[in-house]
Amino acid sequence: MSDKALKNALIILVVLLVLVFVWQPISHLFRAAPITNDFVLETTDGALDSKNLRGKVLAISLAYAHCEDECSDRLARLAAGFELLTPRDQALVRLIVVSVDPDRDTPASMAAYVRRFHANMIGAVAKPEELKAFAESYAATYRKIPVAADGSYRVDHNRPIFLVDTAGHFASALNENLAPEQIAQALRAKLPPLIPPGQ
């Protein structure tokens, strides 16, 4: 074998070694599990930690207790979609409504507000800095809009229904205008399959 051929063979060997020992660890990083959007919120039943909700599909919506039609219509359709699920599927879904009005809302006011739509809805609040982090994790936005000289305001916010799968990973954002049937279908799609008896 000539010196030139030997040199080329060594170059090829070095390239192969690089592929094996460098590319493999890098490619492993890109196959890592999706980042979870974990959170801890406050409810009338105490802290709501998403890590304790593994195995459940979470349907998360932003709202606030002083919100009128723009929130009511969306939450009513979410509740109606939930009602279209079987009892087995309902047991695997959690409806969570997070307040974007930390200055006025409390766990009690949010609990009373969401009970207007469904008994199984969970009303939750967070401190301003925690709410900011929660919203950023879902690319959600909210801001106060003054409406009168007396200081009253409304809170503008984006309105999708965020779905989190049973492993705690963000799955999708549902359009706020979906019909209850479409919401139910989206929830079912994230649930684990029903295993027939005896299998």
N, C-alpha and C. Protein backbone atom coordinates (compact mmCIF):
# COMPACT_ATOMS: atom_id res chain seq x y z
N MET A 1 0.86 -1.20 0.00
CA MET A 1 0.00 0.00 0.00
C MET A 1 0.89 1.24 0.00
N SER A 2 0.60 2.17 -0.90
CA SER A 2 1.39 3.39 -1.00
C SER A 2 1.16 4.29 0.20
N ASP A 3 2.06 5.24 0.38
CA ASP A 3 1.91 6.20 1.48
C ASP A 3 0.62 6.99 1.34
N LYS A 4 0.27 7.33 0.09
CA LYS A 4 -0.95 8.13 -0.14
C LYS A 4 -2.20 7.33 0.23
N ALA A 5 -2.21 6.06 -0.17
CA ALA A 5 -3.36 5.20 0.15
C ALA A 5 -3.47 4.98 1.65
N LEU A 6 -2.33 4.80 2.31
CA LEU A 6 -2.33 4.62 3.77
C LEU A 6 -2.86 5.87 4.48
N LYS A 7 -2.44 7.03 3.97
CA LYS A 7 -2.89 8.29 4.56
C LYS A 7 -4.40 8.44 4.41
N ASN A 8 -4.92 8.10 3.23
CA ASN A 8 -6.37 8.19 3.00
C ASN A 8 -7.13 7.23 3.90
N ALA A 9 -6.57 6.04 4.08
CA ALA A 9 -7.22 5.05 4.95
C ALA A 9 -7.27 5.54 6.40
N LEU A 10 -6.20 6.19 6.85
CA LEU A 10 -6.18 6.73 8.21
C LEU A 10 -7.21 7.85 8.38
N ILE A 11 -7.34 8.68 7.34
CA ILE A 11 -8.32 9.77 7.40
C ILE A 11 -9.74 9.21 7.51
N ILE A 12 -10.00 8.18 6.72
CA ILE A 12 -11.33 7.55 6.76
C ILE A 12 -11.58 6.94 8.13
N LEU A 13 -10.57 6.32 8.72
CA LEU A 13 -10.70 5.73 10.05
C LEU A 13 -11.01 6.79 11.10
N VAL A 14 -10.30 7.92 11.02
CA VAL A 14 -10.53 9.02 11.97
C VAL A 14 -11.95 9.54 11.84
N VAL A 15 -12.43 9.69 10.59
CA VAL A 15 -13.80 10.18 10.37
C VAL A 15 -14.81 9.21 10.97
N LEU A 16 -14.59 7.91 10.78
CA LEU A 16 -15.50 6.91 11.34
C LEU A 16 -15.52 6.96 12.86
N LEU A 17 -14.34 7.14 13.46
CA LEU A 17 -14.27 7.24 14.92
C LEU A 17 -15.03 8.46 15.44
N VAL A 18 -14.91 9.56 14.71
CA VAL A 18 -15.64 10.78 15.08
C VAL A 18 -17.14 10.53 15.03
N LEU A 19 -17.59 9.86 13.97
CA LEU A 19 -19.01 9.56 13.84
C LEU A 19 -19.52 8.71 14.99
N VAL A 20 -18.70 7.74 15.39
CA VAL A 20 -19.13 6.81 16.44
C VAL A 20 -19.13 7.48 17.81
N PHE A 21 -18.06 8.20 18.15
CA PHE A 21 -17.89 8.70 19.52
C PHE A 21 -18.39 10.13 19.74
N VAL A 22 -18.60 10.87 18.66
CA VAL A 22 -19.09 12.24 18.80
C VAL A 22 -20.53 12.37 18.35
N TRP A 23 -20.84 11.83 17.19
CA TRP A 23 -22.20 11.99 16.66
C TRP A 23 -23.23 11.28 17.52
N GLN A 24 -22.88 10.09 18.03
CA GLN A 24 -23.86 9.35 18.82
C GLN A 24 -24.33 10.12 20.06
N PRO A 25 -23.40 10.67 20.88
CA PRO A 25 -23.88 11.45 22.03
C PRO A 25 -24.69 12.67 21.62
N ILE A 26 -24.30 13.33 20.52
CA ILE A 26 -25.05 14.51 20.07
C ILE A 26 -26.45 14.12 19.63
N SER A 27 -26.54 13.04 18.83
CA SER A 27 -27.85 12.62 18.35
C SER A 27 -28.74 12.19 19.51
N HIS A 28 -28.13 11.63 20.56
CA HIS A 28 -28.90 11.23 21.74
C HIS A 28 -29.58 12.44 22.39
N LEU A 29 -28.90 13.57 22.39
CA LEU A 29 -29.48 14.78 22.97
C LEU A 29 -30.75 15.19 22.24
N PHE A 30 -30.75 15.04 20.92
CA PHE A 30 -31.91 15.45 20.14
C PHE A 30 -33.06 14.46 20.24
N ARG A 31 -32.78 13.26 20.77
CA ARG A 31 -33.85 12.28 20.97
C ARG A 31 -34.37 12.32 22.40
N ALA A 32 -33.89 13.26 23.19
CA ALA A 32 -34.31 13.33 24.60
C ALA A 32 -35.82 13.58 24.69
N ALA A 33 -36.41 13.17 25.81
CA ALA A 33 -37.84 13.34 26.01
C ALA A 33 -38.20 14.83 26.02
N PRO A 34 -39.40 15.17 25.53
CA PRO A 34 -39.82 16.57 25.54
C PRO A 34 -39.83 17.15 26.95
N ILE A 35 -39.61 18.43 27.05
CA ILE A 35 -39.60 19.10 28.35
C ILE A 35 -41.03 19.16 28.89
N THR A 36 -41.17 18.88 30.16
CA THR A 36 -42.49 18.97 30.79
C THR A 36 -42.75 20.41 31.23
N ASN A 37 -44.00 20.80 31.18
CA ASN A 37 -44.41 22.13 31.62
C ASN A 37 -44.99 22.02 33.03
N ASP A 38 -44.18 21.60 33.97
CA ASP A 38 -44.68 21.38 35.32
C ASP A 38 -44.98 22.69 36.03
N PHE A 39 -45.93 22.63 36.95
CA PHE A 39 -46.35 23.83 37.68
C PHE A 39 -46.91 23.43 39.03
N VAL A 40 -46.95 24.40 39.93
CA VAL A 40 -47.64 24.26 41.21
C VAL A 40 -48.54 25.49 41.35
N LEU A 41 -49.83 25.26 41.49
CA LEU A 41 -50.82 26.34 41.63
C LEU A 41 -51.57 26.15 42.95
N GLU A 42 -52.29 27.19 43.35
CA GLU A 42 -53.05 27.12 44.60
C GLU A 42 -54.54 26.96 44.30
N THR A 43 -55.18 26.06 45.03
CA THR A 43 -56.63 25.85 44.91
C THR A 43 -57.23 25.80 46.31
N THR A 44 -58.54 25.69 46.38
CA THR A 44 -59.18 25.60 47.69
C THR A 44 -58.83 24.29 48.40
N ASP A 45 -58.32 23.32 47.64
CA ASP A 45 -57.90 22.05 48.24
C ASP A 45 -56.41 22.00 48.52
N GLY A 46 -55.75 23.16 48.40
CA GLY A 46 -54.32 23.22 48.64
C GLY A 46 -53.53 23.30 47.34
N ALA A 47 -52.26 22.95 47.42
CA ALA A 47 -51.39 23.05 46.26
C ALA A 47 -51.78 22.02 45.21
N LEU A 48 -51.81 22.47 43.95
CA LEU A 48 -52.06 21.59 42.81
C LEU A 48 -50.74 21.44 42.06
N ASP A 49 -50.10 20.29 42.24
CA ASP A 49 -48.79 20.03 41.65
C ASP A 49 -48.98 19.12 40.43
N SER A 50 -48.58 19.62 39.25
CA SER A 50 -48.80 18.84 38.04
C SER A 50 -48.07 17.49 38.07
N LYS A 51 -47.00 17.39 38.85
CA LYS A 51 -46.28 16.12 38.93
C LYS A 51 -47.14 15.03 39.57
N ASN A 52 -48.12 15.44 40.37
CA ASN A 52 -49.03 14.48 40.99
C ASN A 52 -50.19 14.11 40.07
N LEU A 53 -50.21 14.69 38.86
CA LEU A 53 -51.30 14.44 37.92
C LEU A 53 -50.84 13.59 36.74
N ARG A 54 -49.67 12.96 36.86
CA ARG A 54 -49.22 12.06 35.81
C ARG A 54 -50.26 10.95 35.63
N GLY A 55 -50.49 10.58 34.38
CA GLY A 55 -51.52 9.59 34.08
C GLY A 55 -52.85 10.23 33.74
N LYS A 56 -52.96 11.55 33.93
CA LYS A 56 -54.17 12.31 33.57
C LYS A 56 -53.87 13.22 32.40
N VAL A 57 -54.86 13.44 31.56
CA VAL A 57 -54.77 14.46 30.52
C VAL A 57 -55.27 15.76 31.14
N LEU A 58 -54.49 16.83 31.00
CA LEU A 58 -54.86 18.12 31.55
C LEU A 58 -55.38 19.02 30.44
N ALA A 59 -56.54 19.61 30.66
CA ALA A 59 -57.09 20.63 29.76
C ALA A 59 -57.05 21.94 30.52
N ILE A 60 -56.13 22.82 30.13
CA ILE A 60 -55.85 24.04 30.89
C ILE A 60 -56.34 25.25 30.12
N SER A 61 -57.10 26.10 30.80
CA SER A 61 -57.58 27.33 30.17
C SER A 61 -57.30 28.50 31.08
N LEU A 62 -57.03 29.66 30.49
CA LEU A 62 -56.83 30.89 31.25
C LEU A 62 -58.15 31.64 31.35
N ALA A 63 -58.39 32.24 32.49
CA ALA A 63 -59.62 33.02 32.69
C ALA A 63 -59.43 33.84 33.96
N TYR A 64 -60.50 34.46 34.43
CA TYR A 64 -60.47 35.14 35.73
C TYR A 64 -61.91 35.38 36.18
N ALA A 65 -62.09 35.54 37.46
CA ALA A 65 -63.44 35.54 38.02
C ALA A 65 -64.30 36.70 37.57
N HIS A 66 -63.68 37.81 37.13
CA HIS A 66 -64.46 38.94 36.64
C HIS A 66 -64.68 38.90 35.13
N CYS A 67 -64.24 37.81 34.50
CA CYS A 67 -64.36 37.70 33.05
C CYS A 67 -65.82 37.42 32.66
N GLU A 68 -66.25 38.07 31.61
CA GLU A 68 -67.64 37.92 31.18
C GLU A 68 -67.76 36.93 30.02
N ASP A 69 -68.45 37.33 28.97
CA ASP A 69 -68.79 36.40 27.89
C ASP A 69 -67.60 35.73 27.24
N GLU A 70 -66.49 36.47 27.08
CA GLU A 70 -65.35 35.91 26.35
C GLU A 70 -64.78 34.67 27.03
N CYS A 71 -64.87 34.62 28.36
CA CYS A 71 -64.42 33.42 29.08
C CYS A 71 -65.55 32.42 29.24
N SER A 72 -66.74 32.92 29.53
CA SER A 72 -67.86 32.04 29.83
C SER A 72 -68.19 31.10 28.68
N ASP A 73 -68.18 31.62 27.46
CA ASP A 73 -68.51 30.79 26.31
C ASP A 73 -67.49 29.67 26.15
N ARG A 74 -66.20 30.00 26.27
CA ARG A 74 -65.14 29.00 26.11
C ARG A 74 -65.22 27.93 27.19
N LEU A 75 -65.39 28.34 28.44
CA LEU A 75 -65.42 27.37 29.53
C LEU A 75 -66.68 26.51 29.47
N ALA A 76 -67.78 27.09 29.00
CA ALA A 76 -69.01 26.31 28.85
C ALA A 76 -68.83 25.22 27.79
N ARG A 77 -68.12 25.56 26.68
CA ARG A 77 -67.89 24.57 25.64
C ARG A 77 -66.90 23.50 26.10
N LEU A 78 -65.91 23.90 26.90
CA LEU A 78 -64.99 22.92 27.46
C LEU A 78 -65.74 21.95 28.37
N ALA A 79 -66.62 22.47 29.20
CA ALA A 79 -67.41 21.62 30.09
C ALA A 79 -68.33 20.70 29.30
N ALA A 80 -68.93 21.22 28.22
CA ALA A 80 -69.82 20.40 27.39
C ALA A 80 -69.04 19.30 26.69
N GLY A 81 -67.83 19.61 26.24
CA GLY A 81 -67.00 18.58 25.63
C GLY A 81 -66.63 17.49 26.63
N PHE A 82 -66.31 17.89 27.84
CA PHE A 82 -65.99 16.94 28.91
C PHE A 82 -67.17 16.01 29.17
N GLU A 83 -68.38 16.57 29.14
CA GLU A 83 -69.58 15.77 29.41
C GLU A 83 -69.84 14.71 28.34
N LEU A 84 -69.26 14.89 27.16
CA LEU A 84 -69.44 13.91 26.08
C LEU A 84 -68.53 12.70 26.25
N LEU A 85 -67.59 12.77 27.20
CA LEU A 85 -66.70 11.64 27.45
C LEU A 85 -67.41 10.58 28.29
N THR A 86 -66.95 9.35 28.19
CA THR A 86 -67.47 8.29 29.04
C THR A 86 -66.99 8.52 30.48
N PRO A 87 -67.64 7.92 31.46
CA PRO A 87 -67.17 8.06 32.85
C PRO A 87 -65.71 7.64 33.01
N ARG A 88 -65.29 6.57 32.31
CA ARG A 88 -63.89 6.12 32.38
C ARG A 88 -62.96 7.22 31.88
N ASP A 89 -63.31 7.85 30.75
CA ASP A 89 -62.46 8.89 30.19
C ASP A 89 -62.47 10.15 31.04
N GLN A 90 -63.62 10.49 31.60
CA GLN A 90 -63.70 11.67 32.48
C GLN A 90 -62.77 11.51 33.67
N ALA A 91 -62.65 10.29 34.17
CA ALA A 91 -61.78 10.05 35.34
C ALA A 91 -60.31 10.27 35.01
N LEU A 92 -59.96 10.28 33.71
CA LEU A 92 -58.58 10.45 33.29
C LEU A 92 -58.28 11.86 32.79
N VAL A 93 -59.24 12.77 32.96
CA VAL A 93 -59.07 14.15 32.49
C VAL A 93 -59.24 15.11 33.66
N ARG A 94 -58.43 16.15 33.70
CA ARG A 94 -58.58 17.22 34.69
C ARG A 94 -58.74 18.54 33.95
N LEU A 95 -59.83 19.23 34.27
CA LEU A 95 -60.10 20.56 33.70
C LEU A 95 -59.57 21.60 34.68
N ILE A 96 -58.58 22.38 34.26
CA ILE A 96 -57.93 23.34 35.15
C ILE A 96 -58.07 24.74 34.56
N VAL A 97 -58.62 25.66 35.33
CA VAL A 97 -58.77 27.05 34.90
C VAL A 97 -57.86 27.92 35.77
N VAL A 98 -56.90 28.55 35.12
CA VAL A 98 -55.88 29.33 35.84
C VAL A 98 -56.20 30.82 35.72
N SER A 99 -56.27 31.50 36.85
CA SER A 99 -56.55 32.93 36.87
C SER A 99 -55.38 33.75 36.33
N VAL A 100 -55.72 34.73 35.47
CA VAL A 100 -54.71 35.68 35.00
C VAL A 100 -54.89 37.03 35.70
N ASP A 101 -55.57 37.00 36.83
CA ASP A 101 -55.85 38.22 37.60
C ASP A 101 -55.42 38.01 39.05
N PRO A 102 -54.11 37.91 39.30
CA PRO A 102 -53.65 37.58 40.66
C PRO A 102 -53.93 38.66 41.69
N ASP A 103 -54.20 39.89 41.24
CA ASP A 103 -54.47 40.97 42.19
C ASP A 103 -55.86 40.87 42.81
N ARG A 104 -56.79 40.23 42.11
CA ARG A 104 -58.16 40.15 42.63
C ARG A 104 -58.60 38.73 42.97
N ASP A 105 -58.12 37.76 42.25
CA ASP A 105 -58.62 36.40 42.44
C ASP A 105 -57.94 35.68 43.59
N THR A 106 -58.71 34.83 44.22
CA THR A 106 -58.24 33.96 45.30
C THR A 106 -58.66 32.53 44.94
N PRO A 107 -58.12 31.54 45.62
CA PRO A 107 -58.60 30.17 45.37
C PRO A 107 -60.11 30.05 45.53
N ALA A 108 -60.68 30.74 46.51
CA ALA A 108 -62.13 30.66 46.74
C ALA A 108 -62.92 31.31 45.62
N SER A 109 -62.48 32.49 45.15
CA SER A 109 -63.23 33.16 44.09
C SER A 109 -63.15 32.38 42.78
N MET A 110 -62.00 31.77 42.51
CA MET A 110 -61.88 30.97 41.29
C MET A 110 -62.69 29.68 41.38
N ALA A 111 -62.72 29.09 42.57
CA ALA A 111 -63.52 27.87 42.74
C ALA A 111 -64.99 28.16 42.51
N ALA A 112 -65.47 29.27 43.05
CA ALA A 112 -66.87 29.65 42.86
C ALA A 112 -67.16 29.95 41.39
N TYR A 113 -66.22 30.60 40.74
CA TYR A 113 -66.40 30.98 39.33
C TYR A 113 -66.50 29.74 38.44
N VAL A 114 -65.58 28.78 38.57
CA VAL A 114 -65.59 27.63 37.66
C VAL A 114 -66.72 26.66 37.96
N ARG A 115 -67.25 26.68 39.17
CA ARG A 115 -68.38 25.81 39.48
C ARG A 115 -69.62 26.18 38.66
N ARG A 116 -69.65 27.39 38.13
CA ARG A 116 -70.77 27.79 37.26
C ARG A 116 -70.79 26.95 35.99
N PHE A 117 -69.64 26.38 35.61
CA PHE A 117 -69.54 25.66 34.35
C PHE A 117 -69.53 24.14 34.53
N HIS A 118 -68.81 23.66 35.54
CA HIS A 118 -68.80 22.21 35.80
C HIS A 118 -68.26 21.95 37.20
N ALA A 119 -68.87 21.00 37.87
CA ALA A 119 -68.46 20.67 39.24
C ALA A 119 -67.04 20.10 39.29
N ASN A 120 -66.57 19.52 38.18
CA ASN A 120 -65.24 18.93 38.16
C ASN A 120 -64.15 19.90 37.75
N MET A 121 -64.50 21.11 37.39
CA MET A 121 -63.48 22.09 37.02
C MET A 121 -62.71 22.54 38.25
N ILE A 122 -61.42 22.73 38.07
CA ILE A 122 -60.55 23.18 39.16
C ILE A 122 -60.14 24.62 38.90
N GLY A 123 -60.48 25.52 39.82
CA GLY A 123 -60.05 26.91 39.72
C GLY A 123 -58.74 27.08 40.47
N ALA A 124 -57.76 27.72 39.84
CA ALA A 124 -56.44 27.83 40.45
C ALA A 124 -55.87 29.23 40.29
N VAL A 125 -55.01 29.60 41.23
CA VAL A 125 -54.36 30.91 41.20
C VAL A 125 -52.87 30.73 41.45
N ALA A 126 -52.11 31.79 41.16
CA ALA A 126 -50.67 31.79 41.42
C ALA A 126 -50.25 33.21 41.76
N LYS A 127 -49.16 33.34 42.48
CA LYS A 127 -48.60 34.66 42.74
C LYS A 127 -48.12 35.25 41.42
N PRO A 128 -48.04 36.60 41.35
CA PRO A 128 -47.69 37.23 40.07
C PRO A 128 -46.45 36.67 39.40
N GLU A 129 -45.38 36.47 40.14
CA GLU A 129 -44.14 35.97 39.51
C GLU A 129 -44.29 34.52 39.06
N GLU A 130 -45.08 33.74 39.83
CA GLU A 130 -45.30 32.35 39.46
C GLU A 130 -46.24 32.25 38.25
N LEU A 131 -47.22 33.15 38.20
CA LEU A 131 -48.12 33.18 37.05
C LEU A 131 -47.35 33.54 35.79
N LYS A 132 -46.44 34.47 35.90
CA LYS A 132 -45.62 34.87 34.75
C LYS A 132 -44.84 33.68 34.21
N ALA A 133 -44.22 32.91 35.10
CA ALA A 133 -43.45 31.74 34.68
C ALA A 133 -44.36 30.68 34.07
N PHE A 134 -45.53 30.49 34.67
CA PHE A 134 -46.49 29.52 34.15
C PHE A 134 -46.91 29.91 32.74
N ALA A 135 -47.27 31.18 32.54
CA ALA A 135 -47.72 31.65 31.23
C ALA A 135 -46.62 31.50 30.19
N GLU A 136 -45.40 31.84 30.56
CA GLU A 136 -44.29 31.75 29.61
C GLU A 136 -44.04 30.31 29.17
N SER A 137 -44.28 29.36 30.06
CA SER A 137 -44.04 27.96 29.71
C SER A 137 -45.03 27.46 28.66
N TYR A 138 -46.17 28.15 28.53
CA TYR A 138 -47.16 27.80 27.52
C TYR A 138 -47.24 28.84 26.40
N ALA A 139 -46.28 29.77 26.39
CA ALA A 139 -46.29 30.87 25.41
C ALA A 139 -47.61 31.63 25.48
N ALA A 140 -48.15 31.76 26.68
CA ALA A 140 -49.41 32.47 26.90
C ALA A 140 -49.12 33.91 27.30
N THR A 141 -50.05 34.80 26.98
CA THR A 141 -49.89 36.21 27.31
C THR A 141 -51.14 36.73 28.03
N TYR A 142 -50.94 37.76 28.84
CA TYR A 142 -52.06 38.40 29.52
C TYR A 142 -51.63 39.81 29.91
N ARG A 143 -52.57 40.74 29.97
CA ARG A 143 -52.26 42.11 30.39
C ARG A 143 -53.52 42.82 30.82
N LYS A 144 -53.36 43.71 31.80
CA LYS A 144 -54.49 44.50 32.29
C LYS A 144 -54.87 45.56 31.26
N ILE A 145 -56.18 45.74 31.09
CA ILE A 145 -56.71 46.78 30.20
C ILE A 145 -57.63 47.67 31.02
N PRO A 146 -57.21 48.92 31.36
CA PRO A 146 -58.09 49.82 32.12
C PRO A 146 -59.38 50.09 31.33
N VAL A 147 -60.50 50.10 32.04
CA VAL A 147 -61.78 50.32 31.37
C VAL A 147 -62.55 51.51 31.94
N ALA A 148 -62.13 52.04 33.08
CA ALA A 148 -62.86 53.16 33.68
C ALA A 148 -61.92 53.98 34.57
N ALA A 149 -62.33 55.23 34.85
CA ALA A 149 -61.52 56.13 35.65
C ALA A 149 -61.39 55.66 37.10
N ASP A 150 -62.31 54.80 37.54
CA ASP A 150 -62.25 54.34 38.94
C ASP A 150 -61.20 53.26 39.17
N GLY A 151 -60.46 52.93 38.12
CA GLY A 151 -59.40 51.94 38.27
C GLY A 151 -59.82 50.52 37.93
N SER A 152 -61.08 50.32 37.57
CA SER A 152 -61.51 48.98 37.18
C SER A 152 -60.83 48.58 35.87
N TYR A 153 -60.70 47.30 35.67
CA TYR A 153 -59.98 46.81 34.49
C TYR A 153 -60.47 45.43 34.11
N ARG A 154 -60.12 45.04 32.90
CA ARG A 154 -60.28 43.66 32.47
C ARG A 154 -58.89 43.13 32.14
N VAL A 155 -58.78 41.84 31.95
CA VAL A 155 -57.49 41.24 31.65
C VAL A 155 -57.58 40.57 30.28
N ASP A 156 -56.84 41.12 29.34
CA ASP A 156 -56.77 40.52 28.01
C ASP A 156 -55.80 39.34 28.07
N HIS A 157 -56.16 38.23 27.45
CA HIS A 157 -55.29 37.05 27.48
C HIS A 157 -55.58 36.18 26.27
N ASN A 158 -54.60 35.36 25.89
CA ASN A 158 -54.89 34.45 24.78
C ASN A 158 -55.73 33.29 25.29
N ARG A 159 -56.48 32.67 24.38
CA ARG A 159 -57.61 31.86 24.82
C ARG A 159 -57.63 30.40 24.37
N PRO A 160 -56.52 29.85 23.92
CA PRO A 160 -56.59 28.41 23.58
C PRO A 160 -56.84 27.56 24.82
N ILE A 161 -57.22 26.34 24.58
CA ILE A 161 -57.27 25.32 25.64
C ILE A 161 -56.01 24.49 25.47
N PHE A 162 -55.11 24.55 26.44
CA PHE A 162 -53.84 23.83 26.36
C PHE A 162 -54.02 22.41 26.86
N LEU A 163 -53.59 21.44 26.06
CA LEU A 163 -53.67 20.04 26.47
C LEU A 163 -52.29 19.53 26.84
N VAL A 164 -52.22 18.84 27.99
CA VAL A 164 -51.00 18.21 28.47
C VAL A 164 -51.26 16.72 28.54
N ASP A 165 -50.36 15.92 27.98
CA ASP A 165 -50.62 14.48 27.92
C ASP A 165 -50.34 13.79 29.26
N THR A 166 -50.55 12.50 29.28
CA THR A 166 -50.46 11.75 30.54
C THR A 166 -49.04 11.67 31.09
N ALA A 167 -48.04 11.97 30.25
CA ALA A 167 -46.65 11.98 30.71
C ALA A 167 -46.21 13.36 31.18
N GLY A 168 -47.11 14.34 31.12
CA GLY A 168 -46.78 15.69 31.57
C GLY A 168 -46.20 16.58 30.49
N HIS A 169 -46.28 16.16 29.23
CA HIS A 169 -45.74 16.95 28.13
C HIS A 169 -46.84 17.75 27.44
N PHE A 170 -46.53 18.99 27.08
CA PHE A 170 -47.47 19.78 26.29
C PHE A 170 -47.80 19.01 25.01
N ALA A 171 -49.11 18.88 24.71
CA ALA A 171 -49.53 18.09 23.55
C ALA A 171 -50.08 18.95 22.42
N SER A 172 -50.94 19.91 22.74
CA SER A 172 -51.52 20.76 21.69
C SER A 172 -52.27 21.91 22.33
N ALA A 173 -52.61 22.89 21.49
CA ALA A 173 -53.43 24.02 21.92
C ALA A 173 -54.68 24.03 21.05
N LEU A 174 -55.84 23.89 21.67
CA LEU A 174 -57.09 23.84 20.93
C LEU A 174 -57.63 25.25 20.70
N ASN A 175 -58.13 25.49 19.51
CA ASN A 175 -58.76 26.76 19.20
C ASN A 175 -59.95 27.00 20.12
N GLU A 176 -60.08 28.22 20.59
CA GLU A 176 -61.16 28.53 21.55
C GLU A 176 -62.55 28.36 20.96
N ASN A 177 -62.65 28.34 19.63
CA ASN A 177 -63.96 28.27 18.99
C ASN A 177 -64.39 26.86 18.62
N LEU A 178 -63.64 25.85 19.05
CA LEU A 178 -64.02 24.47 18.74
C LEU A 178 -65.37 24.13 19.39
N ALA A 179 -66.13 23.31 18.70
CA ALA A 179 -67.39 22.82 19.25
C ALA A 179 -67.12 21.78 20.32
N PRO A 180 -68.07 21.54 21.23
CA PRO A 180 -67.87 20.53 22.27
C PRO A 180 -67.47 19.17 21.72
N GLU A 181 -68.07 18.76 20.60
CA GLU A 181 -67.73 17.47 20.00
C GLU A 181 -66.25 17.41 19.60
N GLN A 182 -65.74 18.52 19.08
CA GLN A 182 -64.33 18.56 18.68
C GLN A 182 -63.41 18.55 19.89
N ILE A 183 -63.83 19.22 20.95
CA ILE A 183 -63.04 19.21 22.19
C ILE A 183 -62.99 17.80 22.76
N ALA A 184 -64.14 17.13 22.78
CA ALA A 184 -64.19 15.75 23.29
C ALA A 184 -63.29 14.84 22.47
N GLN A 185 -63.30 15.01 21.15
CA GLN A 185 -62.47 14.19 20.28
C GLN A 185 -60.99 14.43 20.56
N ALA A 186 -60.60 15.69 20.77
CA ALA A 186 -59.21 16.01 21.06
C ALA A 186 -58.77 15.42 22.40
N LEU A 187 -59.64 15.44 23.38
CA LEU A 187 -59.32 14.86 24.68
C LEU A 187 -59.16 13.34 24.57
N ARG A 188 -60.08 12.70 23.86
CA ARG A 188 -60.00 11.24 23.69
C ARG A 188 -58.68 10.83 23.02
N ALA A 189 -58.24 11.65 22.07
CA ALA A 189 -57.03 11.31 21.31
C ALA A 189 -55.79 11.28 22.19
N LYS A 190 -55.83 11.96 23.33
CA LYS A 190 -54.67 12.00 24.23
C LYS A 190 -54.74 10.96 25.34
N LEU A 191 -55.87 10.27 25.43
CA LEU A 191 -56.04 9.28 26.51
C LEU A 191 -55.38 7.96 26.15
N PRO A 192 -54.92 7.21 27.15
CA PRO A 192 -54.37 5.88 26.86
C PRO A 192 -55.44 4.96 26.32
N PRO A 193 -55.07 4.00 25.46
CA PRO A 193 -56.09 3.10 24.89
C PRO A 193 -56.74 2.24 25.96
N LEU A 194 -57.99 1.89 25.71
CA LEU A 194 -58.72 1.03 26.63
C LEU A 194 -58.33 -0.41 26.33
N ILE A 195 -57.76 -1.10 27.31
CA ILE A 195 -57.31 -2.48 27.13
C ILE A 195 -58.48 -3.43 27.43
N PRO A 196 -58.86 -4.26 26.46
CA PRO A 196 -59.98 -5.19 26.69
C PRO A 196 -59.70 -6.12 27.86
N PRO A 197 -60.73 -6.55 28.58
CA PRO A 197 -60.55 -7.48 29.71
C PRO A 197 -59.84 -8.75 29.25
N GLY A 198 -58.98 -9.28 30.09
CA GLY A 198 -58.30 -10.53 29.78
C GLY A 198 -57.02 -10.37 28.99
N GLN A 199 -56.65 -9.14 28.68
CA GLN A 199 -55.41 -8.91 27.92
C GLN A 199 -54.37 -8.20 28.76
